[in-house]
N, C-alpha and C. Protein backbone atom coordinates (compact mmCIF):
# COMPACT_ATOMS: atom_id res chain seq x y z
N MET A 1 21.74 -156.41 21.69
CA MET A 1 21.56 -155.45 20.62
C MET A 1 20.25 -154.67 20.79
N LYS A 2 19.18 -155.37 21.19
CA LYS A 2 17.89 -154.71 21.40
C LYS A 2 18.00 -153.67 22.51
N ARG A 3 18.77 -153.97 23.53
CA ARG A 3 18.95 -153.04 24.66
C ARG A 3 19.62 -151.75 24.20
N ILE A 4 20.58 -151.88 23.34
CA ILE A 4 21.28 -150.69 22.84
C ILE A 4 20.33 -149.81 22.05
N TYR A 5 19.53 -150.39 21.17
CA TYR A 5 18.55 -149.62 20.41
C TYR A 5 17.52 -148.96 21.33
N LEU A 6 17.08 -149.70 22.33
CA LEU A 6 16.11 -149.17 23.28
C LEU A 6 16.70 -148.01 24.07
N LEU A 7 17.93 -148.16 24.55
CA LEU A 7 18.59 -147.08 25.28
C LEU A 7 18.82 -145.87 24.39
N LEU A 8 19.20 -146.11 23.16
CA LEU A 8 19.41 -145.02 22.22
C LEU A 8 18.10 -144.26 21.95
N LEU A 9 17.02 -145.00 21.76
CA LEU A 9 15.71 -144.39 21.53
C LEU A 9 15.27 -143.57 22.73
N ILE A 10 15.42 -144.11 23.91
CA ILE A 10 15.02 -143.40 25.13
C ILE A 10 15.86 -142.14 25.31
N SER A 11 17.15 -142.21 25.07
CA SER A 11 18.00 -141.03 25.24
C SER A 11 17.64 -139.94 24.24
N VAL A 12 17.31 -140.31 23.01
CA VAL A 12 16.90 -139.32 22.01
C VAL A 12 15.60 -138.65 22.44
N LEU A 13 14.66 -139.43 22.91
CA LEU A 13 13.38 -138.87 23.35
C LEU A 13 13.56 -137.95 24.54
N LEU A 14 14.38 -138.32 25.50
CA LEU A 14 14.59 -137.51 26.69
C LEU A 14 15.32 -136.21 26.37
N THR A 15 16.28 -136.24 25.48
CA THR A 15 17.01 -135.03 25.16
C THR A 15 16.18 -134.08 24.32
N SER A 16 15.27 -134.58 23.52
CA SER A 16 14.47 -133.69 22.69
C SER A 16 13.33 -133.04 23.45
N CYS A 17 12.93 -133.61 24.57
CA CYS A 17 11.80 -133.06 25.33
C CYS A 17 12.08 -131.69 25.90
N GLY A 18 13.31 -131.43 26.30
CA GLY A 18 13.63 -130.16 26.94
C GLY A 18 14.21 -129.13 26.01
N SER A 19 14.13 -129.34 24.71
CA SER A 19 14.81 -128.45 23.79
C SER A 19 14.09 -127.14 23.55
N SER A 20 12.80 -127.06 23.85
CA SER A 20 12.09 -125.80 23.64
C SER A 20 11.33 -125.42 24.89
N ARG A 21 11.34 -124.12 25.17
CA ARG A 21 10.68 -123.62 26.37
C ARG A 21 9.20 -123.49 26.10
N LYS A 22 8.39 -124.07 26.96
CA LYS A 22 6.94 -124.00 26.84
C LYS A 22 6.40 -123.30 28.08
N PRO A 23 5.32 -122.53 27.96
CA PRO A 23 4.73 -121.93 29.14
C PRO A 23 4.14 -123.01 30.03
N THR A 24 4.06 -122.69 31.32
CA THR A 24 3.54 -123.68 32.25
C THR A 24 2.04 -123.84 32.11
N LYS A 25 1.35 -122.79 31.73
CA LYS A 25 -0.09 -122.86 31.53
C LYS A 25 -0.39 -122.31 30.14
N THR A 26 -1.37 -122.90 29.49
CA THR A 26 -1.81 -122.35 28.22
C THR A 26 -3.32 -122.30 28.20
N VAL A 27 -3.85 -121.47 27.35
CA VAL A 27 -5.28 -121.33 27.20
C VAL A 27 -5.72 -122.09 25.97
N VAL A 28 -6.87 -122.68 26.04
CA VAL A 28 -7.43 -123.31 24.85
C VAL A 28 -7.76 -122.18 23.89
N LEU A 29 -7.20 -122.24 22.71
CA LEU A 29 -7.40 -121.16 21.75
C LEU A 29 -8.79 -121.25 21.16
N GLY A 30 -9.43 -120.13 21.06
CA GLY A 30 -10.76 -120.12 20.46
C GLY A 30 -11.61 -119.01 21.01
N SER A 31 -12.87 -119.25 21.04
CA SER A 31 -13.83 -118.24 21.43
C SER A 31 -14.32 -118.48 22.85
N SER A 32 -14.20 -117.46 23.68
CA SER A 32 -14.63 -117.59 25.07
C SER A 32 -15.21 -116.27 25.53
N THR A 33 -16.25 -116.33 26.33
CA THR A 33 -16.87 -115.11 26.83
C THR A 33 -16.93 -115.10 28.35
N SER A 34 -16.19 -115.96 29.01
CA SER A 34 -16.23 -116.03 30.46
C SER A 34 -15.59 -114.80 31.08
N TYR A 35 -15.91 -114.57 32.34
CA TYR A 35 -15.33 -113.45 33.08
C TYR A 35 -13.81 -113.58 33.14
N ALA A 36 -13.30 -114.79 33.37
CA ALA A 36 -11.86 -115.02 33.44
C ALA A 36 -11.19 -114.67 32.12
N ALA A 37 -11.80 -115.06 31.01
CA ALA A 37 -11.25 -114.75 29.69
C ALA A 37 -11.25 -113.24 29.47
N THR A 38 -12.32 -112.57 29.84
CA THR A 38 -12.42 -111.12 29.68
C THR A 38 -11.33 -110.42 30.48
N LYS A 39 -11.07 -110.90 31.66
CA LYS A 39 -10.04 -110.32 32.52
C LYS A 39 -8.66 -110.52 31.90
N ARG A 40 -8.42 -111.69 31.35
CA ARG A 40 -7.13 -111.97 30.70
C ARG A 40 -6.94 -111.10 29.47
N ILE A 41 -8.01 -110.93 28.71
CA ILE A 41 -7.94 -110.08 27.52
C ILE A 41 -7.56 -108.66 27.92
N SER A 42 -8.18 -108.15 28.97
CA SER A 42 -7.86 -106.79 29.45
C SER A 42 -6.40 -106.68 29.85
N LYS A 43 -5.88 -107.70 30.50
CA LYS A 43 -4.47 -107.69 30.92
C LYS A 43 -3.54 -107.69 29.71
N VAL A 44 -3.89 -108.49 28.69
CA VAL A 44 -3.08 -108.54 27.46
C VAL A 44 -3.08 -107.16 26.79
N VAL A 45 -4.24 -106.56 26.67
CA VAL A 45 -4.36 -105.25 26.01
C VAL A 45 -3.63 -104.17 26.82
N ASP A 46 -3.82 -104.17 28.13
CA ASP A 46 -3.13 -103.17 28.96
C ASP A 46 -1.61 -103.31 28.86
N TYR A 47 -1.14 -104.54 28.85
CA TYR A 47 0.30 -104.76 28.73
C TYR A 47 0.80 -104.26 27.37
N ALA A 48 0.03 -104.52 26.33
CA ALA A 48 0.41 -104.05 24.99
C ALA A 48 0.49 -102.52 24.97
N LYS A 49 -0.46 -101.86 25.60
CA LYS A 49 -0.46 -100.39 25.63
C LYS A 49 0.76 -99.83 26.36
N SER A 50 1.32 -100.61 27.27
CA SER A 50 2.51 -100.15 28.01
C SER A 50 3.73 -100.04 27.09
N PHE A 51 3.67 -100.64 25.91
CA PHE A 51 4.77 -100.56 24.95
C PHE A 51 4.59 -99.42 23.95
N GLU A 52 3.49 -98.70 24.04
CA GLU A 52 3.24 -97.61 23.10
C GLU A 52 4.42 -96.64 23.12
N GLY A 53 4.91 -96.29 21.93
CA GLY A 53 6.07 -95.40 21.82
C GLY A 53 7.40 -96.14 21.70
N THR A 54 7.40 -97.44 21.94
CA THR A 54 8.62 -98.23 21.80
C THR A 54 9.04 -98.24 20.34
N ARG A 55 10.32 -98.08 20.09
CA ARG A 55 10.80 -98.03 18.71
C ARG A 55 10.70 -99.41 18.06
N TYR A 56 10.70 -99.41 16.73
CA TYR A 56 10.65 -100.65 15.97
C TYR A 56 12.04 -101.28 15.95
N LYS A 57 12.09 -102.59 16.14
CA LYS A 57 13.33 -103.35 15.98
C LYS A 57 12.94 -104.72 15.46
N TYR A 58 13.43 -105.07 14.29
CA TYR A 58 13.13 -106.37 13.71
C TYR A 58 13.59 -107.46 14.67
N GLY A 59 12.66 -108.37 15.03
CA GLY A 59 12.97 -109.45 15.95
C GLY A 59 12.94 -109.06 17.40
N GLY A 60 12.68 -107.79 17.70
CA GLY A 60 12.70 -107.31 19.08
C GLY A 60 11.47 -107.71 19.87
N THR A 61 11.67 -107.88 21.18
CA THR A 61 10.56 -108.30 22.05
C THR A 61 10.58 -107.58 23.40
N ASP A 62 11.18 -106.39 23.47
CA ASP A 62 11.20 -105.67 24.74
C ASP A 62 11.17 -104.16 24.51
N LYS A 63 11.28 -103.39 25.60
CA LYS A 63 11.17 -101.93 25.54
C LYS A 63 12.27 -101.29 24.69
N ARG A 64 13.35 -102.02 24.45
CA ARG A 64 14.43 -101.47 23.62
C ARG A 64 14.05 -101.45 22.15
N GLY A 65 13.02 -102.24 21.78
CA GLY A 65 12.56 -102.28 20.41
C GLY A 65 11.84 -103.58 20.13
N MET A 66 10.82 -103.51 19.28
CA MET A 66 10.07 -104.72 18.93
C MET A 66 9.41 -104.59 17.58
N ASP A 67 9.15 -105.74 16.98
CA ASP A 67 8.39 -105.75 15.73
C ASP A 67 6.95 -106.13 16.04
N CYS A 68 6.10 -106.20 15.02
CA CYS A 68 4.67 -106.40 15.23
C CYS A 68 4.36 -107.74 15.90
N SER A 69 4.96 -108.81 15.41
CA SER A 69 4.67 -110.11 16.01
C SER A 69 5.32 -110.26 17.37
N GLY A 70 6.42 -109.58 17.58
CA GLY A 70 7.07 -109.58 18.90
C GLY A 70 6.17 -108.96 19.95
N LEU A 71 5.51 -107.86 19.60
CA LEU A 71 4.57 -107.20 20.50
C LEU A 71 3.45 -108.14 20.91
N VAL A 72 2.81 -108.76 19.93
CA VAL A 72 1.70 -109.67 20.20
C VAL A 72 2.18 -110.89 20.98
N TYR A 73 3.29 -111.45 20.58
CA TYR A 73 3.85 -112.63 21.23
C TYR A 73 4.11 -112.37 22.71
N VAL A 74 4.79 -111.27 23.01
CA VAL A 74 5.16 -110.93 24.39
C VAL A 74 3.91 -110.66 25.25
N CYS A 75 2.94 -109.97 24.68
CA CYS A 75 1.75 -109.61 25.45
C CYS A 75 0.90 -110.83 25.81
N PHE A 76 0.77 -111.76 24.90
CA PHE A 76 0.03 -112.98 25.20
C PHE A 76 0.83 -113.89 26.13
N MET A 77 2.15 -113.93 25.95
CA MET A 77 2.98 -114.75 26.81
C MET A 77 2.93 -114.26 28.26
N GLU A 78 2.72 -112.97 28.44
CA GLU A 78 2.58 -112.41 29.80
C GLU A 78 1.43 -113.08 30.55
N GLU A 79 0.43 -113.56 29.81
CA GLU A 79 -0.71 -114.27 30.39
C GLU A 79 -0.59 -115.78 30.17
N ASP A 80 0.63 -116.25 29.90
CA ASP A 80 0.90 -117.68 29.69
C ASP A 80 0.12 -118.27 28.52
N ILE A 81 -0.07 -117.47 27.49
CA ILE A 81 -0.75 -117.93 26.28
C ILE A 81 0.30 -118.01 25.18
N ALA A 82 0.58 -119.23 24.76
CA ALA A 82 1.63 -119.45 23.77
C ALA A 82 1.11 -119.24 22.36
N LEU A 83 1.78 -118.35 21.64
CA LEU A 83 1.50 -118.12 20.23
C LEU A 83 2.81 -118.28 19.46
N PRO A 84 2.73 -118.57 18.18
CA PRO A 84 3.96 -118.59 17.38
C PRO A 84 4.59 -117.21 17.37
N ARG A 85 5.83 -117.11 17.00
CA ARG A 85 6.55 -115.83 17.02
C ARG A 85 6.37 -115.03 15.73
N VAL A 86 5.87 -115.65 14.67
CA VAL A 86 5.76 -115.01 13.36
C VAL A 86 4.28 -114.77 13.01
N SER A 87 3.98 -113.60 12.45
CA SER A 87 2.59 -113.23 12.18
C SER A 87 1.86 -114.23 11.27
N ARG A 88 2.49 -114.72 10.23
CA ARG A 88 1.79 -115.65 9.32
C ARG A 88 1.46 -116.96 10.03
N GLU A 89 2.26 -117.35 11.03
CA GLU A 89 1.96 -118.55 11.81
C GLU A 89 0.89 -118.26 12.86
N MET A 90 0.89 -117.04 13.41
CA MET A 90 -0.16 -116.64 14.35
C MET A 90 -1.52 -116.71 13.67
N ALA A 91 -1.54 -116.41 12.37
CA ALA A 91 -2.80 -116.37 11.62
C ALA A 91 -3.42 -117.76 11.44
N LYS A 92 -2.74 -118.78 11.89
CA LYS A 92 -3.27 -120.14 11.83
C LYS A 92 -3.86 -120.57 13.17
N LYS A 93 -3.76 -119.71 14.18
CA LYS A 93 -4.21 -120.06 15.53
C LYS A 93 -5.56 -119.40 15.83
N GLY A 94 -6.23 -119.92 16.84
CA GLY A 94 -7.50 -119.35 17.24
C GLY A 94 -8.61 -119.66 16.26
N VAL A 95 -9.62 -118.82 16.29
CA VAL A 95 -10.81 -119.00 15.46
C VAL A 95 -10.98 -117.78 14.57
N ARG A 96 -11.15 -118.02 13.29
CA ARG A 96 -11.39 -116.90 12.37
C ARG A 96 -12.80 -116.37 12.61
N ILE A 97 -12.93 -115.06 12.72
CA ILE A 97 -14.23 -114.42 12.94
C ILE A 97 -14.42 -113.30 11.92
N THR A 98 -15.62 -112.76 11.87
CA THR A 98 -15.91 -111.66 10.95
C THR A 98 -15.66 -110.33 11.64
N LEU A 99 -15.55 -109.29 10.85
CA LEU A 99 -15.38 -107.94 11.41
C LEU A 99 -16.56 -107.54 12.30
N ASN A 100 -17.74 -108.07 12.00
CA ASN A 100 -18.92 -107.76 12.82
C ASN A 100 -18.82 -108.34 14.22
N GLU A 101 -18.00 -109.38 14.39
CA GLU A 101 -17.84 -110.05 15.68
C GLU A 101 -16.63 -109.54 16.47
N ILE A 102 -15.85 -108.67 15.89
CA ILE A 102 -14.58 -108.26 16.48
C ILE A 102 -14.75 -107.63 17.85
N ALA A 103 -13.76 -107.88 18.71
CA ALA A 103 -13.79 -107.34 20.07
C ALA A 103 -12.35 -107.11 20.54
N GLU A 104 -12.23 -106.40 21.63
CA GLU A 104 -10.92 -106.16 22.24
C GLU A 104 -10.21 -107.50 22.46
N GLY A 105 -8.91 -107.53 22.12
CA GLY A 105 -8.12 -108.73 22.30
C GLY A 105 -7.99 -109.60 21.07
N ASP A 106 -8.80 -109.35 20.04
CA ASP A 106 -8.70 -110.12 18.80
C ASP A 106 -7.46 -109.68 18.02
N LEU A 107 -7.01 -110.54 17.15
CA LEU A 107 -5.84 -110.24 16.32
C LEU A 107 -6.27 -109.92 14.90
N VAL A 108 -5.73 -108.83 14.36
CA VAL A 108 -6.00 -108.45 12.98
C VAL A 108 -4.73 -108.68 12.17
N PHE A 109 -4.91 -109.27 10.99
CA PHE A 109 -3.78 -109.65 10.15
C PHE A 109 -3.82 -108.90 8.83
N PHE A 110 -2.62 -108.58 8.34
CA PHE A 110 -2.49 -107.75 7.15
C PHE A 110 -1.47 -108.33 6.18
N GLN A 111 -1.64 -107.91 4.94
CA GLN A 111 -0.71 -108.23 3.87
C GLN A 111 -0.25 -106.89 3.32
N THR A 112 0.92 -106.43 3.78
CA THR A 112 1.37 -105.08 3.41
C THR A 112 2.30 -105.07 2.21
N ASN A 113 2.78 -106.23 1.80
CA ASN A 113 3.63 -106.32 0.62
C ASN A 113 2.81 -106.95 -0.50
N LYS A 114 2.36 -106.14 -1.43
CA LYS A 114 1.48 -106.64 -2.49
C LYS A 114 2.19 -107.57 -3.48
N ASN A 115 3.52 -107.56 -3.47
CA ASN A 115 4.28 -108.46 -4.35
C ASN A 115 4.31 -109.88 -3.80
N ARG A 116 4.19 -110.02 -2.50
CA ARG A 116 4.17 -111.34 -1.87
C ARG A 116 2.83 -111.49 -1.19
N ARG A 117 2.08 -112.47 -1.60
CA ARG A 117 0.72 -112.63 -1.11
C ARG A 117 0.69 -113.50 0.16
N VAL A 118 1.34 -112.98 1.21
CA VAL A 118 1.36 -113.67 2.50
C VAL A 118 1.10 -112.66 3.61
N ILE A 119 0.55 -113.14 4.70
CA ILE A 119 0.36 -112.30 5.87
C ILE A 119 1.74 -111.96 6.42
N ASN A 120 1.97 -110.67 6.64
CA ASN A 120 3.27 -110.25 7.16
C ASN A 120 3.16 -109.18 8.24
N HIS A 121 1.95 -108.95 8.75
CA HIS A 121 1.77 -107.94 9.79
C HIS A 121 0.58 -108.33 10.67
N VAL A 122 0.71 -108.04 11.97
CA VAL A 122 -0.35 -108.36 12.92
C VAL A 122 -0.52 -107.20 13.90
N GLY A 123 -1.76 -107.03 14.34
CA GLY A 123 -2.06 -106.04 15.36
C GLY A 123 -3.04 -106.63 16.36
N LEU A 124 -3.13 -106.01 17.51
CA LEU A 124 -4.01 -106.43 18.59
C LEU A 124 -5.11 -105.40 18.77
N VAL A 125 -6.36 -105.83 18.66
CA VAL A 125 -7.48 -104.90 18.80
C VAL A 125 -7.54 -104.39 20.24
N VAL A 126 -7.53 -103.06 20.38
CA VAL A 126 -7.60 -102.44 21.71
C VAL A 126 -8.94 -101.77 21.97
N GLU A 127 -9.71 -101.57 20.88
CA GLU A 127 -11.01 -100.91 21.05
C GLU A 127 -11.86 -101.10 19.81
N GLU A 128 -13.15 -101.30 20.04
CA GLU A 128 -14.12 -101.33 18.95
C GLU A 128 -15.30 -100.51 19.42
N ARG A 129 -15.53 -99.38 18.76
CA ARG A 129 -16.62 -98.50 19.16
C ARG A 129 -17.25 -97.88 17.93
N ASN A 130 -18.56 -98.04 17.83
CA ASN A 130 -19.33 -97.44 16.73
C ASN A 130 -18.74 -97.79 15.35
N GLY A 131 -18.33 -99.02 15.19
CA GLY A 131 -17.82 -99.46 13.91
C GLY A 131 -16.36 -99.12 13.65
N GLU A 132 -15.72 -98.37 14.55
CA GLU A 132 -14.30 -98.07 14.38
C GLU A 132 -13.48 -99.06 15.20
N ILE A 133 -12.53 -99.69 14.53
CA ILE A 133 -11.67 -100.70 15.17
C ILE A 133 -10.28 -100.12 15.31
N LYS A 134 -9.82 -100.03 16.56
CA LYS A 134 -8.47 -99.53 16.82
C LYS A 134 -7.61 -100.70 17.26
N PHE A 135 -6.38 -100.73 16.77
CA PHE A 135 -5.47 -101.82 17.09
C PHE A 135 -4.07 -101.28 17.36
N ILE A 136 -3.35 -101.97 18.23
CA ILE A 136 -1.98 -101.59 18.54
C ILE A 136 -1.06 -102.53 17.77
N HIS A 137 0.03 -101.97 17.26
CA HIS A 137 0.97 -102.74 16.45
C HIS A 137 2.28 -101.98 16.39
N SER A 138 3.29 -102.61 15.84
CA SER A 138 4.58 -101.95 15.70
C SER A 138 4.87 -101.76 14.22
N THR A 139 5.12 -100.51 13.83
CA THR A 139 5.43 -100.20 12.44
C THR A 139 6.91 -99.84 12.33
N SER A 140 7.49 -100.12 11.18
CA SER A 140 8.92 -99.84 10.99
C SER A 140 9.20 -98.34 11.02
N SER A 141 8.22 -97.51 10.70
CA SER A 141 8.46 -96.07 10.65
C SER A 141 8.15 -95.35 11.97
N ARG A 142 7.18 -95.85 12.74
CA ARG A 142 6.76 -95.11 13.93
C ARG A 142 6.80 -95.93 15.22
N GLY A 143 7.22 -97.18 15.14
CA GLY A 143 7.28 -98.01 16.34
C GLY A 143 5.90 -98.46 16.77
N VAL A 144 5.72 -98.67 18.07
CA VAL A 144 4.45 -99.18 18.59
C VAL A 144 3.45 -98.03 18.70
N ILE A 145 2.36 -98.16 17.95
CA ILE A 145 1.33 -97.13 17.88
C ILE A 145 -0.05 -97.79 17.83
N VAL A 146 -1.06 -96.96 18.05
CA VAL A 146 -2.45 -97.39 17.88
C VAL A 146 -2.94 -96.78 16.57
N SER A 147 -3.51 -97.62 15.72
CA SER A 147 -4.05 -97.18 14.43
C SER A 147 -5.51 -97.60 14.32
N SER A 148 -6.17 -97.07 13.31
CA SER A 148 -7.57 -97.41 13.06
C SER A 148 -7.68 -98.24 11.78
N LEU A 149 -8.54 -99.23 11.82
CA LEU A 149 -8.79 -100.03 10.62
C LEU A 149 -9.53 -99.21 9.57
N ASN A 150 -10.04 -98.05 9.96
CA ASN A 150 -10.71 -97.16 9.01
C ASN A 150 -9.73 -96.41 8.11
N GLU A 151 -8.44 -96.38 8.50
CA GLU A 151 -7.43 -95.73 7.67
C GLU A 151 -7.30 -96.52 6.37
N ASP A 152 -7.24 -95.80 5.26
CA ASP A 152 -7.21 -96.46 3.95
C ASP A 152 -6.11 -97.50 3.83
N TYR A 153 -4.91 -97.18 4.30
CA TYR A 153 -3.79 -98.11 4.17
C TYR A 153 -4.11 -99.44 4.85
N TRP A 154 -4.61 -99.39 6.08
CA TRP A 154 -4.88 -100.62 6.83
C TRP A 154 -6.13 -101.33 6.30
N LYS A 155 -7.10 -100.55 5.87
CA LYS A 155 -8.31 -101.14 5.30
C LYS A 155 -7.97 -101.96 4.04
N ASN A 156 -7.08 -101.43 3.21
CA ASN A 156 -6.69 -102.10 1.97
C ASN A 156 -5.77 -103.30 2.21
N ALA A 157 -5.01 -103.25 3.28
CA ALA A 157 -4.07 -104.34 3.57
C ALA A 157 -4.69 -105.45 4.44
N PHE A 158 -5.86 -105.20 4.99
CA PHE A 158 -6.50 -106.14 5.90
C PHE A 158 -6.79 -107.48 5.22
N VAL A 159 -6.52 -108.59 5.96
CA VAL A 159 -6.78 -109.93 5.44
C VAL A 159 -7.83 -110.64 6.28
N GLU A 160 -7.63 -110.70 7.60
CA GLU A 160 -8.56 -111.44 8.45
C GLU A 160 -8.40 -111.04 9.90
N VAL A 161 -9.37 -111.49 10.70
CA VAL A 161 -9.32 -111.29 12.15
C VAL A 161 -9.52 -112.65 12.82
N ARG A 162 -8.77 -112.86 13.91
CA ARG A 162 -8.86 -114.13 14.65
C ARG A 162 -8.99 -113.88 16.13
N ARG A 163 -9.75 -114.75 16.77
CA ARG A 163 -9.93 -114.70 18.22
C ARG A 163 -9.10 -115.81 18.84
N VAL A 164 -8.22 -115.42 19.75
CA VAL A 164 -7.33 -116.38 20.42
C VAL A 164 -7.87 -116.75 21.79
N ILE A 165 -8.43 -115.78 22.50
CA ILE A 165 -9.00 -116.06 23.83
C ILE A 165 -10.51 -115.99 23.72
């Protein structure tokens, strides 16, 4: 009887191990200033920019259409950095930083639905110059675009910024 339970337990463990695809390499999430991290950040940002003009598609993750979290998810996955697929879950990863510390590659999170007090939008910082923060994201009306955090709409919807690499 013990053998049957043991075999059953082992089979359950073995079958559950392969149920989700994981990247072969992952980065320790947090704050890093190494040359390698800087290079990876540039690759993530450049890849994100290659989607500029892509139409919005809820749940989309390719050139045929993508949503905001799909854009961020795909761009980080290109560098074997695993992030959750949903913006509110992404907001739990990495290290929370202040706007004064923001840099290229950081994630900016927004709450665009004032009736529901949850994070529902994410963008990737592509530039910070002279206090102006530009980020790439996918909007339902214009697809993948670069916007400024100085725009009233985004300034009012802003919740937090996080550093993943």
